[in-house]
Amino acid sequence: SGRHAEVMVRDNRGTPKIWISDSNSTNGTQLNGSDIFTDRPDLSHGDTISIAGVDITVVLLPNGRE
């Protein structure tokens, strides 16, 4: 698949809400080892996203840190 997943960020009253959705990819997208199918689970620091055999670790920095 050319487009596997989409990560979305929205301001939730000053706190970012971050979630992921699969884009109907051939091999799917996993979050912490579980397929997400059509779910849109929230992402947290330390989560692992797996796409096409590649693991991506979510790192969230505290507000104000660059």
C-alpha atoms as a PDB file:
ATOM      1  CA  SER A   1       0.000   0.000   0.000  1.00  0.00           C
ATOM      2  CA  GLY A   2       1.211   3.506  -0.743  1.00  0.00           C
ATOM      3  CA  ARG A   3      -0.709   4.954   2.175  1.00  0.00           C
ATOM      4  CA  HIS A   4      -0.789   2.820   5.316  1.00  0.00           C
ATOM      5  CA  ALA A   5      -2.048   4.957   8.167  1.00  0.00           C
ATOM      6  CA  GLU A   6      -2.883   8.470   9.249  1.00  0.00           C
ATOM      7  CA  VAL A   7      -1.885  10.126  12.525  1.00  0.00           C
ATOM      8  CA  MET A   8      -4.160  12.963  13.613  1.00  0.00           C
ATOM      9  CA  VAL A   9      -3.565  15.638  16.243  1.00  0.00           C
ATOM     10  CA  ARG A  10      -6.233  17.855  17.759  1.00  0.00           C
ATOM     11  CA  ASP A  11      -6.150  20.378  20.576  1.00  0.00           C
ATOM     12  CA  ASN A  12      -8.304  19.081  23.420  1.00  0.00           C
ATOM     13  CA  ARG A  13      -8.635  22.146  25.678  1.00  0.00           C
ATOM     14  CA  GLY A  14      -4.914  22.832  25.721  1.00  0.00           C
ATOM     15  CA  THR A  15      -3.870  19.186  25.724  1.00  0.00           C
ATOM     16  CA  PRO A  16      -3.142  17.544  22.384  1.00  0.00           C
ATOM     17  CA  LYS A  17      -5.176  14.455  21.529  1.00  0.00           C
ATOM     18  CA  ILE A  18      -3.268  12.191  19.136  1.00  0.00           C
ATOM     19  CA  TRP A  19      -4.687   9.114  17.464  1.00  0.00           C
ATOM     20  CA  ILE A  20      -4.029   6.816  14.504  1.00  0.00           C
ATOM     21  CA  SER A  21      -6.214   5.174  11.872  1.00  0.00           C
ATOM     22  CA  ASP A  22      -5.449   2.538   9.257  1.00  0.00           C
ATOM     23  CA  SER A  23      -5.999   3.673   5.657  1.00  0.00           C
ATOM     24  CA  ASN A  24      -7.334   0.303   4.470  1.00  0.00           C
ATOM     25  CA  SER A  25      -3.783  -0.848   3.827  1.00  0.00           C
ATOM     26  CA  THR A  26      -3.142  -4.336   2.460  1.00  0.00           C
ATOM     27  CA  ASN A  27      -1.201  -5.553   5.502  1.00  0.00           C
ATOM     28  CA  GLY A  28      -2.894  -3.415   8.123  1.00  0.00           C
ATOM     29  CA  THR A  29      -1.479  -1.283  10.888  1.00  0.00           C
ATOM     30  CA  GLN A  30      -0.729  -2.497  14.413  1.00  0.00           C
ATOM     31  CA  LEU A  31      -0.554  -0.591  17.666  1.00  0.00           C
ATOM     32  CA  ASN A  32       1.359  -2.397  20.410  1.00  0.00           C
ATOM     33  CA  GLY A  33       0.981  -5.678  18.515  1.00  0.00           C
ATOM     34  CA  SER A  34      -2.781  -5.466  17.886  1.00  0.00           C
ATOM     35  CA  ASP A  35      -4.427  -4.698  14.533  1.00  0.00           C
ATOM     36  CA  ILE A  36      -6.334  -1.432  14.652  1.00  0.00           C
ATOM     37  CA  PHE A  37      -8.667  -2.151  11.671  1.00  0.00           C
ATOM     38  CA  THR A  38     -11.148   0.745  11.676  1.00  0.00           C
ATOM     39  CA  ASP A  39     -10.532   1.771  15.295  1.00  0.00           C
ATOM     40  CA  ARG A  40      -8.905   5.129  16.025  1.00  0.00           C
ATOM     41  CA  PRO A  41      -6.980   4.426  19.219  1.00  0.00           C
ATOM     42  CA  ASP A  42      -5.328   7.266  21.108  1.00  0.00           C
ATOM     43  CA  LEU A  43      -1.536   7.258  21.025  1.00  0.00           C
ATOM     44  CA  SER A  44       0.519   7.477  24.209  1.00  0.00           C
ATOM     45  CA  HIS A  45       4.204   7.930  24.927  1.00  0.00           C
ATOM     46  CA  GLY A  46       6.032   4.637  24.382  1.00  0.00           C
ATOM     47  CA  ASP A  47       3.427   3.057  22.087  1.00  0.00           C
ATOM     48  CA  THR A  48       4.735   1.053  19.132  1.00  0.00           C
ATOM     49  CA  ILE A  49       3.147   1.463  15.699  1.00  0.00           C
ATOM     50  CA  SER A  50       3.964  -1.303  13.199  1.00  0.00           C
ATOM     51  CA  ILE A  51       3.548  -0.597   9.493  1.00  0.00           C
ATOM     52  CA  ALA A  52       4.843  -2.874   6.721  1.00  0.00           C
ATOM     53  CA  GLY A  53       7.389  -4.530   9.018  1.00  0.00           C
ATOM     54  CA  VAL A  54       8.680  -1.242  10.393  1.00  0.00           C
ATOM     55  CA  ASP A  55       8.238  -0.414  14.098  1.00  0.00           C
ATOM     56  CA  ILE A  56       7.830   3.231  15.113  1.00  0.00           C
ATOM     57  CA  THR A  57       7.985   4.249  18.777  1.00  0.00           C
ATOM     58  CA  VAL A  58       5.818   7.193  19.821  1.00  0.00           C
ATOM     59  CA  VAL A  59       7.771   9.829  21.754  1.00  0.00           C
ATOM     60  CA  LEU A  60       5.727  12.682  23.181  1.00  0.00           C
ATOM     61  CA  LEU A  61       7.650  15.645  24.555  1.00  0.00           C
ATOM     62  CA  PRO A  62       6.280  17.729  27.434  1.00  0.00           C
ATOM     63  CA  ASN A  63       4.721  21.094  26.507  1.00  0.00           C
ATOM     64  CA  GLY A  64       7.259  23.863  26.057  1.00  0.00           C
ATOM     65  CA  ARG A  65      10.124  21.523  25.213  1.00  0.00           C
ATOM     66  CA  GLU A  66      11.697  21.767  21.776  1.00  0.00           C
END
